[in-house]
């Protein structure tokens, strides 16, 4: 039997200080909050519960040491949720890092397994 290279690979990209807390899930929550202006809309679109969304959020904030979201009280336009400046920067930097890691992984995978 001869070697048959695998067709696929999977890489998880997570960043953290002490506990693995910032990865694809929290990045998706933040991105959807930015898109919809609502944490509720974000977790509903993801199909997860409110408690799970808050758990993911609190774990990431505790590890990073700063808030990622800020609630805005009602008023004429209603309330909502926005990313803090730190949350916005973290999402941007994580997204850039994740894209570069995935691109490097794809290049390495093809070079090594399909050369």
Protein backbone atom coordinates (compact mmCIF):
# COMPACT_ATOMS: atom_id res chain seq x y z
CA UNK A 1 0.00 0.00 0.00
CA UNK A 2 1.35 3.47 -0.81
CA UNK A 3 1.06 6.69 1.14
CA UNK A 4 -2.13 8.63 0.43
CA UNK A 5 -1.98 12.19 1.78
CA UNK A 6 -4.90 13.58 3.79
CA UNK A 7 -7.24 15.95 1.98
CA UNK A 8 -8.04 18.28 4.86
CA UNK A 9 -6.70 19.78 8.08
CA UNK A 10 -8.10 21.84 10.94
CA UNK A 11 -6.43 24.58 12.97
CA UNK A 12 -7.95 26.28 16.03
CA UNK A 13 -6.58 29.73 16.76
CA UNK A 14 -6.99 30.99 20.32
CA UNK A 15 -5.18 33.74 22.20
CA UNK A 16 -5.06 34.26 25.94
CA UNK A 17 -3.11 35.36 28.99
CA UNK A 18 -3.77 32.56 31.50
CA UNK A 19 -6.83 30.60 30.35
CA UNK A 20 -7.74 29.76 26.76
CA UNK A 21 -10.59 32.22 26.41
CA UNK A 22 -10.51 34.09 23.09
CA UNK A 23 -11.14 32.15 19.91
CA UNK A 24 -13.65 31.68 17.15
CA UNK A 25 -16.73 31.75 19.42
CA UNK A 26 -16.08 35.05 21.18
CA UNK A 27 -14.84 36.58 17.92
CA UNK A 28 -18.14 35.61 16.27
CA UNK A 29 -20.14 37.05 19.17
CA UNK A 30 -18.25 40.36 18.97
CA UNK A 31 -18.58 40.52 15.20
CA UNK A 32 -22.33 39.92 15.37
CA UNK A 33 -22.75 42.48 18.18
CA UNK A 34 -20.92 44.98 16.01
CA UNK A 35 -23.18 44.09 13.08
CA UNK A 36 -26.51 44.09 14.97
CA UNK A 37 -25.84 46.38 17.95
CA UNK A 38 -27.27 43.71 20.23
CA UNK A 39 -25.85 40.83 22.24
CA UNK A 40 -29.26 39.17 22.18
CA UNK A 41 -29.37 39.26 18.38
CA UNK A 42 -25.80 37.91 18.28
CA UNK A 43 -26.38 34.85 20.44
CA UNK A 44 -29.73 34.12 18.81
CA UNK A 45 -28.13 34.17 15.36
CA UNK A 46 -25.43 31.82 16.63
CA UNK A 47 -28.06 29.50 18.08
CA UNK A 48 -26.63 29.56 21.60
CA UNK A 49 -28.26 30.41 24.90
CA UNK A 50 -27.96 33.70 26.73
CA UNK A 51 -26.12 31.98 29.59
CA UNK A 52 -23.58 30.41 27.23
CA UNK A 53 -22.95 33.75 25.49
CA UNK A 54 -22.43 35.50 28.83
CA UNK A 55 -20.15 32.69 30.05
CA UNK A 56 -17.96 32.98 26.94
CA UNK A 57 -17.91 36.76 27.23
CA UNK A 58 -17.10 36.86 30.96
CA UNK A 59 -14.36 34.24 30.62
CA UNK A 60 -12.67 36.24 27.84
CA UNK A 61 -13.01 39.53 29.72
CA UNK A 62 -11.61 37.99 32.92
CA UNK A 63 -8.58 36.60 31.11
CA UNK A 64 -7.90 39.76 29.09
CA UNK A 65 -8.49 42.12 32.00
CA UNK A 66 -10.85 44.54 30.28
CA UNK A 67 -14.47 44.70 29.08
CA UNK A 68 -15.20 43.77 25.48
CA UNK A 69 -18.78 45.07 25.34
CA UNK A 70 -20.65 48.07 26.68
CA UNK A 71 -24.43 48.28 27.13
CA UNK A 72 -26.24 51.42 26.07
CA UNK A 73 -29.42 52.31 27.96
CA UNK A 74 -32.73 52.89 26.17
CA UNK A 75 -33.77 56.33 25.02
CA UNK A 76 -35.25 57.54 21.78
CA UNK A 77 -33.48 54.87 19.71
CA UNK A 78 -33.73 52.09 22.28
CA UNK A 79 -30.83 50.42 23.98
CA UNK A 80 -28.18 48.19 22.61
CA UNK A 81 -24.69 46.85 22.94
CA UNK A 82 -21.47 48.08 21.37
CA UNK A 83 -17.88 46.94 21.45
CA UNK A 84 -15.59 48.83 23.77
CA UNK A 85 -12.54 50.37 22.06
CA UNK A 86 -10.50 47.49 23.52
CA UNK A 87 -13.06 44.96 22.28
CA UNK A 88 -12.98 46.43 18.79
CA UNK A 89 -9.18 46.40 18.70
CA UNK A 90 -9.03 42.84 20.07
CA UNK A 91 -11.50 41.62 17.43
CA UNK A 92 -9.56 43.33 14.63
CA UNK A 93 -6.18 41.99 15.78
CA UNK A 94 -7.51 38.48 16.42
CA UNK A 95 -9.14 38.42 12.97
CA UNK A 96 -5.88 39.50 11.31
CA UNK A 97 -3.84 36.97 13.28
CA UNK A 98 -6.31 34.15 12.62
CA UNK A 99 -6.34 34.89 8.86
CA UNK A 100 -2.54 34.87 8.70
CA UNK A 101 -2.27 31.64 10.69
CA UNK A 102 -4.85 29.95 8.42
CA UNK A 103 -3.06 31.17 5.28
CA UNK A 104 0.29 29.90 6.56
CA UNK A 105 -1.26 26.58 7.60
CA UNK A 106 -2.84 26.09 4.18
CA UNK A 107 0.45 26.85 2.43
CA UNK A 108 2.38 24.50 4.73
CA UNK A 109 -0.24 21.74 4.41
CA UNK A 110 -0.09 21.78 0.62
CA UNK A 111 3.69 22.06 0.57
CA UNK A 112 4.19 19.13 2.94
CA UNK A 113 1.38 16.76 1.97
CA UNK A 114 0.87 17.54 -1.69
CA UNK A 115 4.35 18.42 -2.89
